Amino acid sequence: MRLALSILIAFSFIQPAAAEEIGSVSTVFKLVGPNDKIVIEAFDDPKIEGVTCHLSRATKGGISGAIGVAEDTSDASIACRQVGPIRFLEEFDEGERVFKERTSVLFKTIQVVRFLDKKRNVLIYLVYSDKLVEGSPKNAISTVPIMPNWGQ
């Protein structure tokens, strides 16, 4: 019981990752509180210059969404693109997390991890949602071919 409480307290201090909100659309009208929405966010890969990812995800509205206790669905989509010359700023591990954001008060997050397909010279980004107890099979990928002569 103490272990579960310790884990609960530790996860309550996790802050959402910084992402730039690009826009949103309402999907369900709520009489009280904000509407349910699909939010589009952008983030740059922290270890690979020249790659930007756009993430769309569902957010719950209503009173519980307004006060931050609603649990968002596991639905998400990702599109990553080369936006400039690609430069590896530092080495990275396969499956390394490049983005994480809470989708419920304590237990659920949406994450993006990165892989490198060396044979094909392609970066692969996988978005998925997880819970402290069990994950979700809902996922999406985006690939970024590393173009050697960007802009020429």
Protein backbone atom coordinates (compact mmCIF):
# COMPACT_ATOMS: atom_id res chain seq x y z
CA MET A 1 0.00 0.00 0.00
CA ARG A 2 2.82 2.42 0.85
CA LEU A 3 4.55 1.61 -2.44
CA ALA A 4 1.37 2.40 -4.39
CA LEU A 5 0.98 5.67 -2.49
CA SER A 6 4.62 6.59 -3.16
CA ILE A 7 4.19 5.91 -6.86
CA LEU A 8 0.99 7.94 -6.91
CA ILE A 9 2.71 10.91 -5.24
CA ALA A 10 5.73 10.68 -7.57
CA PHE A 11 3.56 10.70 -10.69
CA SER A 12 1.52 13.66 -9.44
CA PHE A 13 4.57 15.91 -9.86
CA ILE A 14 5.24 15.05 -13.53
CA GLN A 15 4.79 18.15 -15.64
CA PRO A 16 3.53 18.02 -19.24
CA ALA A 17 6.19 18.30 -21.92
CA ALA A 18 6.49 21.64 -23.65
CA ALA A 19 4.80 21.66 -27.04
CA GLU A 20 3.49 24.52 -29.10
CA GLU A 21 -0.27 24.40 -29.66
CA ILE A 22 -0.97 25.14 -33.31
CA GLY A 23 -4.77 25.00 -33.19
CA SER A 24 -7.82 22.98 -32.26
CA VAL A 25 -11.34 22.09 -33.39
CA SER A 26 -14.36 21.34 -31.22
CA THR A 27 -15.83 17.88 -31.59
CA VAL A 28 -18.51 17.77 -28.86
CA PHE A 29 -20.43 20.76 -27.50
CA LYS A 30 -20.54 21.01 -23.70
CA LEU A 31 -23.14 23.23 -22.05
CA VAL A 32 -20.87 23.80 -19.05
CA GLY A 33 -17.09 24.01 -19.43
CA PRO A 34 -14.99 23.78 -22.57
CA ASN A 35 -15.97 21.56 -25.50
CA ASP A 36 -14.24 18.28 -26.29
CA LYS A 37 -11.55 19.05 -28.88
CA ILE A 38 -8.90 17.73 -31.17
CA VAL A 39 -5.72 19.66 -30.48
CA ILE A 40 -2.79 20.00 -32.88
CA GLU A 41 0.63 20.56 -31.29
CA ALA A 42 4.16 20.85 -32.69
CA PHE A 43 7.49 19.93 -31.14
CA ASP A 44 11.04 19.72 -32.43
CA ASP A 45 13.15 16.63 -31.88
CA PRO A 46 15.50 17.65 -29.05
CA LYS A 47 18.47 15.62 -30.35
CA ILE A 48 18.01 15.91 -34.12
CA GLU A 49 18.05 19.37 -35.64
CA GLY A 50 15.88 19.73 -38.74
CA VAL A 51 12.96 17.47 -37.67
CA THR A 52 9.59 18.73 -36.45
CA CYS A 53 6.64 16.56 -35.43
CA HIS A 54 2.98 17.54 -35.42
CA LEU A 55 0.73 15.63 -33.07
CA SER A 56 -3.06 15.60 -33.02
CA ARG A 57 -4.88 14.25 -29.99
CA ALA A 58 -8.32 14.29 -28.42
CA THR A 59 -8.96 16.24 -25.22
CA LYS A 60 -12.01 16.01 -22.97
CA GLY A 61 -13.95 19.12 -22.05
CA GLY A 62 -16.80 19.76 -19.66
CA ILE A 63 -16.31 20.52 -15.99
CA SER A 64 -13.84 17.65 -15.44
CA GLY A 65 -11.77 18.79 -18.43
CA ALA A 66 -11.79 22.39 -17.22
CA ILE A 67 -10.36 21.47 -13.81
CA GLY A 68 -7.92 18.93 -15.27
CA VAL A 69 -9.30 15.65 -13.92
CA ALA A 70 -10.78 14.22 -17.16
CA GLU A 71 -8.99 11.30 -18.80
CA ASP A 72 -8.37 11.93 -22.49
CA THR A 73 -8.83 9.08 -24.97
CA SER A 74 -5.84 7.20 -26.38
CA ASP A 75 -6.48 8.47 -29.92
CA ALA A 76 -3.52 10.29 -31.47
CA SER A 77 -1.92 10.87 -34.84
CA ILE A 78 1.59 12.03 -35.72
CA ALA A 79 3.33 13.50 -38.76
CA CYS A 80 7.06 14.23 -38.61
CA ARG A 81 8.93 16.01 -41.39
CA GLN A 82 12.38 17.20 -42.28
CA VAL A 83 12.19 21.00 -42.06
CA GLY A 84 15.87 21.76 -42.61
CA PRO A 85 19.24 20.07 -42.86
CA ILE A 86 19.29 17.12 -40.45
CA ARG A 87 22.06 17.26 -37.89
CA PHE A 88 22.44 14.79 -35.04
CA LEU A 89 23.16 16.93 -31.96
CA GLU A 90 24.07 13.94 -29.78
CA GLU A 91 23.82 10.17 -29.78
CA PHE A 92 20.52 8.59 -28.83
CA ASP A 93 19.15 5.19 -27.87
CA GLU A 94 16.68 3.27 -30.00
CA GLY A 95 13.19 3.76 -28.63
CA GLU A 96 14.22 6.92 -26.77
CA ARG A 97 11.33 9.14 -25.64
CA VAL A 98 11.32 12.51 -27.39
CA PHE A 99 7.95 13.78 -26.16
CA LYS A 100 5.66 13.06 -23.22
CA GLU A 101 2.44 14.72 -22.08
CA ARG A 102 -0.05 13.82 -19.37
CA THR A 103 -3.54 12.92 -20.55
CA SER A 104 -5.04 12.36 -17.11
CA VAL A 105 -4.31 13.65 -13.63
CA LEU A 106 -2.01 10.82 -12.56
CA PHE A 107 -1.93 7.67 -14.59
CA LYS A 108 -2.06 8.24 -18.34
CA THR A 109 0.41 9.83 -20.76
CA ILE A 110 0.88 10.16 -24.48
CA GLN A 111 4.45 9.52 -25.60
CA VAL A 112 6.53 9.73 -28.75
CA VAL A 113 9.62 7.57 -29.15
CA ARG A 114 12.25 7.61 -31.91
CA PHE A 115 14.00 4.84 -33.83
CA LEU A 116 16.60 4.92 -36.62
CA ASP A 117 16.35 2.48 -39.53
CA LYS A 118 20.03 2.61 -40.52
CA LYS A 119 19.60 0.30 -43.52
CA ARG A 120 17.09 2.69 -45.13
CA ASN A 121 18.45 5.93 -43.60
CA VAL A 122 15.06 6.76 -42.08
CA LEU A 123 13.97 8.11 -38.70
CA ILE A 124 10.78 6.55 -37.31
CA TYR A 125 8.57 8.24 -34.70
CA LEU A 126 5.96 6.21 -32.82
CA VAL A 127 3.15 7.81 -30.78
CA TYR A 128 1.26 5.76 -28.21
CA SER A 129 -0.56 6.18 -24.94
CA ASP A 130 0.14 4.36 -21.73
CA LYS A 131 -1.23 3.96 -18.24
CA LEU A 132 0.52 3.10 -15.00
CA VAL A 133 -1.26 -0.26 -14.96
CA GLU A 134 -1.73 -1.08 -18.65
CA GLY A 135 -0.95 0.49 -22.00
CA SER A 136 -3.06 1.03 -25.08
CA PRO A 137 -2.54 -0.70 -28.41
CA LYS A 138 -3.62 2.47 -30.22
CA ASN A 139 -0.58 3.93 -31.96
CA ALA A 140 0.63 5.69 -35.08
CA ILE A 141 3.99 6.14 -36.78
CA SER A 142 5.62 8.70 -39.01
CA THR A 143 8.85 8.27 -40.96
CA VAL A 144 11.39 10.89 -41.98
CA PRO A 145 13.82 9.92 -44.74
CA ILE A 146 17.14 11.64 -44.10
CA MET A 147 17.75 13.66 -47.24
CA PRO A 148 21.50 14.25 -47.67
CA ASN A 149 21.29 17.36 -49.89
CA TRP A 150 18.51 19.34 -48.22
CA GLY A 151 17.64 22.55 -50.08
CA GLN A 152 19.97 21.99 -53.07
